[in-house]
Amino acid sequence: MVAACLGETVTILKTEAQANDGRDALAKALYGRLFSWIVYQINIVLSSKKSVAARLILLICSRIVQYVTDEICT
């Protein structure tokens, strides 16, 4: 990994396993934030209509994101 800040460069060598773990952690964090944003947007749209359909949509989104996160991290 190479990081640069204020004209200073730092290089950190990682093993393949460490690099894979870092990649997986980044993907999991991105999917988590994406899911939170999706839920927030759905709640805004459906805030006046808390119906069974709204709950079903949230449940489906939750399951999809959980499945994708599990697949990435295994």
Protein backbone atom coordinates (compact mmCIF):
# COMPACT_ATOMS: atom_id res chain seq x y z
CA MET A 1 0.00 0.00 0.00
CA VAL A 2 1.25 3.49 -0.81
CA ALA A 3 -0.14 6.55 0.96
CA ALA A 4 0.87 10.14 0.27
CA CYS A 5 0.06 13.15 2.41
CA LEU A 6 1.62 16.60 2.62
CA GLY A 7 4.44 15.61 0.28
CA GLU A 8 5.37 12.56 2.36
CA THR A 9 5.01 9.05 0.94
CA VAL A 10 4.66 5.91 3.05
CA THR A 11 4.85 2.43 1.54
CA ILE A 12 3.52 -0.57 3.47
CA LEU A 13 4.07 -4.05 2.07
CA LYS A 14 1.33 -6.57 2.73
CA THR A 15 1.08 -10.28 2.18
CA GLU A 16 -1.51 -11.61 -0.25
CA ALA A 17 -3.71 -12.73 2.66
CA GLN A 18 -3.54 -9.27 4.28
CA ALA A 19 -4.36 -7.60 0.96
CA ASN A 20 -7.32 -9.93 0.48
CA ASP A 21 -8.57 -9.21 4.00
CA GLY A 22 -8.31 -5.47 3.36
CA ARG A 23 -10.20 -5.80 0.08
CA ASP A 24 -12.94 -7.83 1.75
CA ALA A 25 -13.26 -5.35 4.62
CA LEU A 26 -13.55 -2.46 2.17
CA ALA A 27 -16.22 -4.26 0.14
CA LYS A 28 -18.18 -5.11 3.28
CA ALA A 29 -18.04 -1.50 4.48
CA LEU A 30 -19.15 -0.18 1.08
CA TYR A 31 -22.08 -2.60 0.89
CA GLY A 32 -23.08 -1.73 4.45
CA ARG A 33 -23.14 1.99 3.67
CA LEU A 34 -24.96 1.37 0.39
CA PHE A 35 -27.60 -0.67 2.20
CA SER A 36 -28.06 2.05 4.82
CA TRP A 37 -28.50 4.64 2.08
CA ILE A 38 -31.02 2.44 0.22
CA VAL A 39 -33.05 1.88 3.40
CA TYR A 40 -32.97 5.62 4.14
CA GLN A 41 -34.21 6.46 0.62
CA ILE A 42 -36.97 3.85 0.79
CA ASN A 43 -38.07 5.18 4.18
CA ILE A 44 -38.30 8.71 2.77
CA VAL A 45 -40.44 7.57 -0.15
CA LEU A 46 -42.67 5.33 1.93
CA SER A 47 -42.81 7.41 5.10
CA SER A 48 -46.45 8.24 4.54
CA LYS A 49 -47.36 4.65 3.65
CA LYS A 50 -45.91 2.15 6.13
CA SER A 51 -47.47 -0.87 4.54
CA VAL A 52 -46.71 -4.55 4.28
CA ALA A 53 -45.17 -3.88 0.86
CA ALA A 54 -42.72 -1.37 2.36
CA ARG A 55 -41.64 -3.84 5.02
CA LEU A 56 -41.26 -6.56 2.39
CA ILE A 57 -39.04 -4.32 0.24
CA LEU A 58 -36.82 -3.54 3.23
CA LEU A 59 -36.58 -7.22 4.12
CA ILE A 60 -35.64 -8.19 0.57
CA CYS A 61 -32.96 -5.46 0.37
CA SER A 62 -31.58 -6.59 3.70
CA ARG A 63 -31.35 -10.22 2.56
CA ILE A 64 -29.70 -9.29 -0.74
CA VAL A 65 -27.05 -7.13 0.89
CA GLN A 66 -26.38 -9.77 3.55
CA TYR A 67 -26.00 -12.45 0.87
CA VAL A 68 -23.62 -10.33 -1.22
CA THR A 69 -21.57 -9.38 1.85
CA ASP A 70 -21.30 -13.01 2.91
CA GLU A 71 -20.23 -14.08 -0.60
CA ILE A 72 -17.55 -11.40 -0.77
CA CYS A 73 -16.13 -12.17 2.65
CA THR A 74 -15.89 -15.95 2.21
